[in-house]
Amino acid sequence: MADADYTQRWRETAILAASTVAVATVVILLFLGFVGSGDAEGYPTGFVLAATILPFLLVAVVFWSVRRQDVIDRRHGLFED
């Protein structure tokens, strides 16, 4: 892989990493907005939603990130079949 191609791949990877952190942060902040509203079995509804749904959403963000990284790797000729 040429140096320019190597630099471009890492630039795209860095942008993807920053995007993943940004998306995860937005998802977490959206759930923090629900904290304290309502009541479910003695716990605030926001905590119940965060405890049950947030891990699944964050796993979805990770899978999205992995698929995007695979696209970047394939574009630059670095992939496994």
PDB file of N, CA and C in Angstrom:
ATOM      1  N   MET A   1       0.856  -1.160   0.000  1.00  0.00           N
ATOM      2  CA  MET A   1       0.000   0.000   0.000  1.00  0.00           C
ATOM      3  C   MET A   1       0.909   1.231   0.000  1.00  0.00           C
ATOM      4  N   ALA A   2       0.604   2.183  -0.845  1.00  0.00           N
ATOM      5  CA  ALA A   2       1.385   3.405  -0.956  1.00  0.00           C
ATOM      6  C   ALA A   2       1.194   4.271   0.286  1.00  0.00           C
ATOM      7  N   ASP A   3       2.173   5.141   0.546  1.00  0.00           N
ATOM      8  CA  ASP A   3       2.101   6.004   1.721  1.00  0.00           C
ATOM      9  C   ASP A   3       0.864   6.897   1.704  1.00  0.00           C
ATOM     10  N   ALA A   4       0.521   7.443   0.543  1.00  0.00           N
ATOM     11  CA  ALA A   4      -0.657   8.303   0.440  1.00  0.00           C
ATOM     12  C   ALA A   4      -1.919   7.503   0.747  1.00  0.00           C
ATOM     13  N   ASP A   5      -1.968   6.261   0.258  1.00  0.00           N
ATOM     14  CA  ASP A   5      -3.116   5.396   0.513  1.00  0.00           C
ATOM     15  C   ASP A   5      -3.194   5.053   2.004  1.00  0.00           C
ATOM     16  N   TYR A   6      -2.039   4.804   2.594  1.00  0.00           N
ATOM     17  CA  TYR A   6      -1.953   4.499   4.022  1.00  0.00           C
ATOM     18  C   TYR A   6      -2.457   5.681   4.846  1.00  0.00           C
ATOM     19  N   THR A   7      -2.034   6.873   4.498  1.00  0.00           N
ATOM     20  CA  THR A   7      -2.461   8.079   5.197  1.00  0.00           C
ATOM     21  C   THR A   7      -3.960   8.298   5.039  1.00  0.00           C
ATOM     22  N   GLN A   8      -4.473   8.088   3.847  1.00  0.00           N
ATOM     23  CA  GLN A   8      -5.909   8.258   3.592  1.00  0.00           C
ATOM     24  C   GLN A   8      -6.726   7.258   4.402  1.00  0.00           C
ATOM     25  N   ARG A   9      -6.263   6.001   4.482  1.00  0.00           N
ATOM     26  CA  ARG A   9      -6.975   4.981   5.245  1.00  0.00           C
ATOM     27  C   ARG A   9      -7.042   5.365   6.719  1.00  0.00           C
ATOM     28  N   TRP A  10      -5.934   5.824   7.265  1.00  0.00           N
ATOM     29  CA  TRP A  10      -5.929   6.204   8.670  1.00  0.00           C
ATOM     30  C   TRP A  10      -6.757   7.449   8.920  1.00  0.00           C
ATOM     31  N   ARG A  11      -6.799   8.354   7.961  1.00  0.00           N
ATOM     32  CA  ARG A  11      -7.643   9.537   8.091  1.00  0.00           C
ATOM     33  C   ARG A  11      -9.111   9.110   8.144  1.00  0.00           C
ATOM     34  N   GLU A  12      -9.512   8.213   7.256  1.00  0.00           N
ATOM     35  CA  GLU A  12     -10.891   7.717   7.253  1.00  0.00           C
ATOM     36  C   GLU A  12     -11.205   6.953   8.529  1.00  0.00           C
ATOM     37  N   THR A  13     -10.240   6.179   9.019  1.00  0.00           N
ATOM     38  CA  THR A  13     -10.436   5.430  10.255  1.00  0.00           C
ATOM     39  C   THR A  13     -10.592   6.370  11.445  1.00  0.00           C
ATOM     40  N   ALA A  14      -9.807   7.444  11.478  1.00  0.00           N
ATOM     41  CA  ALA A  14      -9.921   8.418  12.566  1.00  0.00           C
ATOM     42  C   ALA A  14     -11.272   9.124  12.536  1.00  0.00           C
ATOM     43  N   ILE A  15     -11.739   9.456  11.341  1.00  0.00           N
ATOM     44  CA  ILE A  15     -13.059  10.087  11.212  1.00  0.00           C
ATOM     45  C   ILE A  15     -14.140   9.125  11.685  1.00  0.00           C
ATOM     46  N   LEU A  16     -14.020   7.839  11.325  1.00  0.00           N
ATOM     47  CA  LEU A  16     -14.989   6.837  11.767  1.00  0.00           C
ATOM     48  C   LEU A  16     -14.977   6.704  13.284  1.00  0.00           C
ATOM     49  N   ALA A  17     -13.795   6.680  13.891  1.00  0.00           N
ATOM     50  CA  ALA A  17     -13.696   6.565  15.348  1.00  0.00           C
ATOM     51  C   ALA A  17     -14.350   7.769  16.030  1.00  0.00           C
ATOM     52  N   ALA A  18     -14.080   8.952  15.522  1.00  0.00           N
ATOM     53  CA  ALA A  18     -14.686  10.154  16.098  1.00  0.00           C
ATOM     54  C   ALA A  18     -16.207  10.124  15.922  1.00  0.00           C
ATOM     55  N   SER A  19     -16.667   9.659  14.764  1.00  0.00           N
ATOM     56  CA  SER A  19     -18.107   9.552  14.515  1.00  0.00           C
ATOM     57  C   SER A  19     -18.757   8.555  15.461  1.00  0.00           C
ATOM     58  N   THR A  20     -18.084   7.447  15.709  1.00  0.00           N
ATOM     59  CA  THR A  20     -18.621   6.426  16.608  1.00  0.00           C
ATOM     60  C   THR A  20     -18.753   6.977  18.022  1.00  0.00           C
ATOM     61  N   VAL A  21     -17.735   7.678  18.478  1.00  0.00           N
ATOM     62  CA  VAL A  21     -17.793   8.274  19.813  1.00  0.00           C
ATOM     63  C   VAL A  21     -18.909   9.323  19.872  1.00  0.00           C
ATOM     64  N   ALA A  22     -19.050  10.113  18.824  1.00  0.00           N
ATOM     65  CA  ALA A  22     -20.091  11.140  18.791  1.00  0.00           C
ATOM     66  C   ALA A  22     -21.479  10.515  18.819  1.00  0.00           C
ATOM     67  N   VAL A  23     -21.700   9.472  18.026  1.00  0.00           N
ATOM     68  CA  VAL A  23     -23.011   8.809  17.997  1.00  0.00           C
ATOM     69  C   VAL A  23     -23.312   8.174  19.350  1.00  0.00           C
ATOM     70  N   ALA A  24     -22.326   7.500  19.945  1.00  0.00           N
ATOM     71  CA  ALA A  24     -22.540   6.885  21.257  1.00  0.00           C
ATOM     72  C   ALA A  24     -22.848   7.945  22.306  1.00  0.00           C
ATOM     73  N   THR A  25     -22.173   9.082  22.235  1.00  0.00           N
ATOM     74  CA  THR A  25     -22.418  10.166  23.188  1.00  0.00           C
ATOM     75  C   THR A  25     -23.831  10.717  23.031  1.00  0.00           C
ATOM     76  N   VAL A  26     -24.265  10.902  21.797  1.00  0.00           N
ATOM     77  CA  VAL A  26     -25.620  11.408  21.560  1.00  0.00           C
ATOM     78  C   VAL A  26     -26.654  10.416  22.085  1.00  0.00           C
ATOM     79  N   VAL A  27     -26.443   9.133  21.847  1.00  0.00           N
ATOM     80  CA  VAL A  27     -27.382   8.117  22.336  1.00  0.00           C
ATOM     81  C   VAL A  27     -27.456   8.162  23.856  1.00  0.00           C
ATOM     82  N   ILE A  28     -26.314   8.253  24.509  1.00  0.00           N
ATOM     83  CA  ILE A  28     -26.291   8.294  25.974  1.00  0.00           C
ATOM     84  C   ILE A  28     -26.972   9.564  26.487  1.00  0.00           C
ATOM     85  N   LEU A  29     -26.684  10.696  25.857  1.00  0.00           N
ATOM     86  CA  LEU A  29     -27.294  11.952  26.299  1.00  0.00           C
ATOM     87  C   LEU A  29     -28.807  11.959  26.100  1.00  0.00           C
ATOM     88  N   LEU A  30     -29.284  11.313  25.038  1.00  0.00           N
ATOM     89  CA  LEU A  30     -30.729  11.219  24.839  1.00  0.00           C
ATOM     90  C   LEU A  30     -31.383  10.435  25.971  1.00  0.00           C
ATOM     91  N   PHE A  31     -30.728   9.379  26.415  1.00  0.00           N
ATOM     92  CA  PHE A  31     -31.290   8.609  27.517  1.00  0.00           C
ATOM     93  C   PHE A  31     -31.210   9.372  28.826  1.00  0.00           C
ATOM     94  N   LEU A  32     -30.193  10.198  29.000  1.00  0.00           N
ATOM     95  CA  LEU A  32     -30.109  10.992  30.222  1.00  0.00           C
ATOM     96  C   LEU A  32     -31.273  11.976  30.311  1.00  0.00           C
ATOM     97  N   GLY A  33     -31.818  12.369  29.162  1.00  0.00           N
ATOM     98  CA  GLY A  33     -32.974  13.258  29.153  1.00  0.00           C
ATOM     99  C   GLY A  33     -34.212  12.605  29.735  1.00  0.00           C
ATOM    100  N   PHE A  34     -34.270  11.277  29.669  1.00  0.00           N
ATOM    101  CA  PHE A  34     -35.426  10.555  30.206  1.00  0.00           C
ATOM    102  C   PHE A  34     -35.329  10.328  31.719  1.00  0.00           C
ATOM    103  N   VAL A  35     -34.143  10.457  32.274  1.00  0.00           N
ATOM    104  CA  VAL A  35     -33.935  10.140  33.691  1.00  0.00           C
ATOM    105  C   VAL A  35     -34.772  11.077  34.554  1.00  0.00           C
ATOM    106  N   GLY A  36     -35.480  10.481  35.497  1.00  0.00           N
ATOM    107  CA  GLY A  36     -36.252  11.261  36.446  1.00  0.00           C
ATOM    108  C   GLY A  36     -37.705  11.451  36.059  1.00  0.00           C
ATOM    109  N   SER A  37     -38.112  11.020  34.877  1.00  0.00           N
ATOM    110  CA  SER A  37     -39.506  11.195  34.477  1.00  0.00           C
ATOM    111  C   SER A  37     -40.259   9.887  34.690  1.00  0.00           C
ATOM    112  N   GLY A  38     -41.329   9.951  35.408  1.00  0.00           N
ATOM    113  CA  GLY A  38     -42.172   8.775  35.623  1.00  0.00           C
ATOM    114  C   GLY A  38     -41.631   7.872  36.712  1.00  0.00           C
ATOM    115  N   ASP A  39     -42.293   6.724  36.871  1.00  0.00           N
ATOM    116  CA  ASP A  39     -41.916   5.784  37.908  1.00  0.00           C
ATOM    117  C   ASP A  39     -42.263   4.377  37.441  1.00  0.00           C
ATOM    118  N   ALA A  40     -41.312   3.465  37.533  1.00  0.00           N
ATOM    119  CA  ALA A  40     -41.537   2.071  37.154  1.00  0.00           C
ATOM    120  C   ALA A  40     -40.978   1.174  38.252  1.00  0.00           C
ATOM    121  N   GLU A  41     -41.849   0.568  39.004  1.00  0.00           N
ATOM    122  CA  GLU A  41     -41.461  -0.334  40.094  1.00  0.00           C
ATOM    123  C   GLU A  41     -40.529   0.330  41.101  1.00  0.00           C
ATOM    124  N   GLY A  42     -40.762   1.596  41.366  1.00  0.00           N
ATOM    125  CA  GLY A  42     -39.974   2.299  42.375  1.00  0.00           C
ATOM    126  C   GLY A  42     -38.717   2.968  41.838  1.00  0.00           C
ATOM    127  N   TYR A  43     -38.410   2.771  40.563  1.00  0.00           N
ATOM    128  CA  TYR A  43     -37.233   3.392  39.949  1.00  0.00           C
ATOM    129  C   TYR A  43     -37.691   4.399  38.899  1.00  0.00           C
ATOM    130  N   PRO A  44     -36.929   5.472  38.703  1.00  0.00           N
ATOM    131  CA  PRO A  44     -37.282   6.412  37.630  1.00  0.00           C
ATOM    132  C   PRO A  44     -37.273   5.703  36.274  1.00  0.00           C
ATOM    133  N   THR A  45     -38.223   6.043  35.419  1.00  0.00           N
ATOM    134  CA  THR A  45     -38.366   5.395  34.116  1.00  0.00           C
ATOM    135  C   THR A  45     -37.095   5.503  33.283  1.00  0.00           C
ATOM    136  N   GLY A  46     -36.410   6.624  33.373  1.00  0.00           N
ATOM    137  CA  GLY A  46     -35.174   6.799  32.610  1.00  0.00           C
ATOM    138  C   GLY A  46     -34.127   5.776  32.969  1.00  0.00           C
ATOM    139  N   PHE A  47     -34.005   5.458  34.257  1.00  0.00           N
ATOM    140  CA  PHE A  47     -33.035   4.450  34.665  1.00  0.00           C
ATOM    141  C   PHE A  47     -33.417   3.069  34.139  1.00  0.00           C
ATOM    142  N   VAL A  48     -34.714   2.757  34.191  1.00  0.00           N
ATOM    143  CA  VAL A  48     -35.188   1.464  33.701  1.00  0.00           C
ATOM    144  C   VAL A  48     -34.922   1.340  32.197  1.00  0.00           C
ATOM    145  N   LEU A  49     -35.256   2.391  31.439  1.00  0.00           N
ATOM    146  CA  LEU A  49     -35.008   2.372  29.997  1.00  0.00           C
ATOM    147  C   LEU A  49     -33.518   2.269  29.693  1.00  0.00           C
ATOM    148  N   ALA A  50     -32.723   3.024  30.410  1.00  0.00           N
ATOM    149  CA  ALA A  50     -31.276   3.001  30.171  1.00  0.00           C
ATOM    150  C   ALA A  50     -30.702   1.625  30.467  1.00  0.00           C
ATOM    151  N   ALA A  51     -31.155   1.010  31.540  1.00  0.00           N
ATOM    152  CA  ALA A  51     -30.624  -0.295  31.921  1.00  0.00           C
ATOM    153  C   ALA A  51     -31.025  -1.398  30.952  1.00  0.00           C
ATOM    154  N   THR A  52     -32.170  -1.254  30.309  1.00  0.00           N
ATOM    155  CA  THR A  52     -32.634  -2.319  29.423  1.00  0.00           C
ATOM    156  C   THR A  52     -32.332  -2.070  27.944  1.00  0.00           C
ATOM    157  N   ILE A  53     -32.420  -0.844  27.486  1.00  0.00           N
ATOM    158  CA  ILE A  53     -32.314  -0.567  26.056  1.00  0.00           C
ATOM    159  C   ILE A  53     -30.947  -0.035  25.649  1.00  0.00           C
ATOM    160  N   LEU A  54     -30.333   0.772  26.494  1.00  0.00           N
ATOM    161  CA  LEU A  54     -29.069   1.417  26.131  1.00  0.00           C
ATOM    162  C   LEU A  54     -27.970   0.433  25.738  1.00  0.00           C
ATOM    163  N   PRO A  55     -27.775  -0.678  26.452  1.00  0.00           N
ATOM    164  CA  PRO A  55     -26.726  -1.617  26.010  1.00  0.00           C
ATOM    165  C   PRO A  55     -26.960  -2.139  24.593  1.00  0.00           C
ATOM    166  N   PHE A  56     -28.215  -2.393  24.226  1.00  0.00           N
ATOM    167  CA  PHE A  56     -28.506  -2.878  22.877  1.00  0.00           C
ATOM    168  C   PHE A  56     -28.210  -1.807  21.829  1.00  0.00           C
ATOM    169  N   LEU A  57     -28.543  -0.572  22.133  1.00  0.00           N
ATOM    170  CA  LEU A  57     -28.255   0.517  21.199  1.00  0.00           C
ATOM    171  C   LEU A  57     -26.753   0.721  21.023  1.00  0.00           C
ATOM    172  N   LEU A  58     -26.007   0.614  22.110  1.00  0.00           N
ATOM    173  CA  LEU A  58     -24.562   0.779  22.004  1.00  0.00           C
ATOM    174  C   LEU A  58     -23.923  -0.380  21.234  1.00  0.00           C
ATOM    175  N   VAL A  59     -24.451  -1.584  21.389  1.00  0.00           N
ATOM    176  CA  VAL A  59     -23.963  -2.708  20.589  1.00  0.00           C
ATOM    177  C   VAL A  59     -24.261  -2.460  19.112  1.00  0.00           C
ATOM    178  N   ALA A  60     -25.429  -1.901  18.812  1.00  0.00           N
ATOM    179  CA  ALA A  60     -25.771  -1.561  17.421  1.00  0.00           C
ATOM    180  C   ALA A  60     -24.796  -0.527  16.865  1.00  0.00           C
ATOM    181  N   VAL A  61     -24.406   0.449  17.675  1.00  0.00           N
ATOM    182  CA  VAL A  61     -23.426   1.451  17.241  1.00  0.00           C
ATOM    183  C   VAL A  61     -22.082   0.783  16.953  1.00  0.00           C
ATOM    184  N   VAL A  62     -21.681  -0.165  17.779  1.00  0.00           N
ATOM    185  CA  VAL A  62     -20.417  -0.876  17.564  1.00  0.00           C
ATOM    186  C   VAL A  62     -20.487  -1.680  16.267  1.00  0.00           C
ATOM    187  N   PHE A  63     -21.586  -2.390  16.024  1.00  0.00           N
ATOM    188  CA  PHE A  63     -21.712  -3.153  14.786  1.00  0.00           C
ATOM    189  C   PHE A  63     -21.698  -2.230  13.562  1.00  0.00           C
ATOM    190  N   TRP A  64     -22.344  -1.071  13.668  1.00  0.00           N
ATOM    191  CA  TRP A  64     -22.307  -0.090  12.582  1.00  0.00           C
ATOM    192  C   TRP A  64     -20.865   0.333  12.312  1.00  0.00           C
ATOM    193  N   SER A  65     -20.138   0.588  13.380  1.00  0.00           N
ATOM    194  CA  SER A  65     -18.746   1.019  13.244  1.00  0.00           C
ATOM    195  C   SER A  65     -17.884  -0.070  12.592  1.00  0.00           C
ATOM    196  N   VAL A  66     -18.088  -1.296  12.988  1.00  0.00           N
ATOM    197  CA  VAL A  66     -17.314  -2.410  12.426  1.00  0.00           C
ATOM    198  C   VAL A  66     -17.617  -2.572  10.940  1.00  0.00           C
ATOM    199  N   ARG A  67     -18.879  -2.466  10.566  1.00  0.00           N
ATOM    200  CA  ARG A  67     -19.236  -2.579   9.140  1.00  0.00           C
ATOM    201  C   ARG A  67     -18.621  -1.449   8.326  1.00  0.00           C
ATOM    202  N   ARG A  68     -18.638  -0.225   8.865  1.00  0.00           N
ATOM    203  CA  ARG A  68     -18.034   0.917   8.158  1.00  0.00           C
ATOM    204  C   ARG A  68     -16.519   0.720   8.042  1.00  0.00           C
ATOM    205  N   GLN A  69     -15.869   0.187   9.089  1.00  0.00           N
ATOM    206  CA  GLN A  69     -14.426  -0.055   9.027  1.00  0.00           C
ATOM    207  C   GLN A  69     -14.119  -1.120   7.983  1.00  0.00           C
ATOM    208  N   ASP A  70     -14.976  -2.113   7.860  1.00  0.00           N
ATOM    209  CA  ASP A  70     -14.790  -3.133   6.835  1.00  0.00           C
ATOM    210  C   ASP A  70     -14.855  -2.514   5.440  1.00  0.00           C
ATOM    211  N   VAL A  71     -15.771  -1.576   5.229  1.00  0.00           N
ATOM    212  CA  VAL A  71     -15.863  -0.877   3.939  1.00  0.00           C
ATOM    213  C   VAL A  71     -14.575  -0.103   3.665  1.00  0.00           C
ATOM    214  N   ILE A  72     -14.061   0.573   4.680  1.00  0.00           N
ATOM    215  CA  ILE A  72     -12.803   1.327   4.522  1.00  0.00           C
ATOM    216  C   ILE A  72     -11.662   0.374   4.192  1.00  0.00           C
ATOM    217  N   ASP A  73     -11.564  -0.739   4.918  1.00  0.00           N
ATOM    218  CA  ASP A  73     -10.492  -1.705   4.667  1.00  0.00           C
ATOM    219  C   ASP A  73     -10.584  -2.292   3.265  1.00  0.00           C
ATOM    220  N   ARG A  74     -11.786  -2.637   2.823  1.00  0.00           N
ATOM    221  CA  ARG A  74     -11.946  -3.192   1.472  1.00  0.00           C
ATOM    222  C   ARG A  74     -11.576  -2.170   0.400  1.00  0.00           C
ATOM    223  N   ARG A  75     -11.923  -0.903   0.622  1.00  0.00           N
ATOM    224  CA  ARG A  75     -11.599   0.148  -0.335  1.00  0.00           C
ATOM    225  C   ARG A  75     -10.085   0.286  -0.509  1.00  0.00           C
ATOM    226  N   HIS A  76      -9.340   0.005   0.559  1.00  0.00           N
ATOM    227  CA  HIS A  76      -7.879   0.158   0.513  1.00  0.00           C
ATOM    228  C   HIS A  76      -7.155  -1.177   0.362  1.00  0.00           C
ATOM    229  N   GLY A  77      -7.896  -2.233   0.078  1.00  0.00           N
ATOM    230  CA  GLY A  77      -7.272  -3.525  -0.199  1.00  0.00           C
ATOM    231  C   GLY A  77      -6.808  -4.287   1.014  1.00  0.00           C
ATOM    232  N   LEU A  78      -7.293  -3.963   2.194  1.00  0.00           N
ATOM    233  CA  LEU A  78      -6.909  -4.652   3.423  1.00  0.00           C
ATOM    234  C   LEU A  78      -8.143  -5.296   4.042  1.00  0.00           C
ATOM    235  N   PHE A  79      -8.416  -6.525   3.653  1.00  0.00           N
ATOM    236  CA  PHE A  79      -9.593  -7.196   4.172  1.00  0.00           C
ATOM    237  C   PHE A  79      -9.349  -8.685   4.230  1.00  0.00           C
ATOM    238  N   GLU A  80     -10.166  -9.360   5.006  1.00  0.00           N
ATOM    239  CA  GLU A  80     -10.102 -10.816   5.117  1.00  0.00           C
ATOM    240  C   GLU A  80     -11.396 -11.416   4.597  1.00  0.00           C
ATOM    241  N   ASP A  81     -11.270 -12.505   3.893  1.00  0.00           N
ATOM    242  CA  ASP A  81     -12.465 -13.195   3.415  1.00  0.00           C
ATOM    243  C   ASP A  81     -12.776 -14.383   4.292  1.00  0.00           C
TER     244      ASP A  81
END
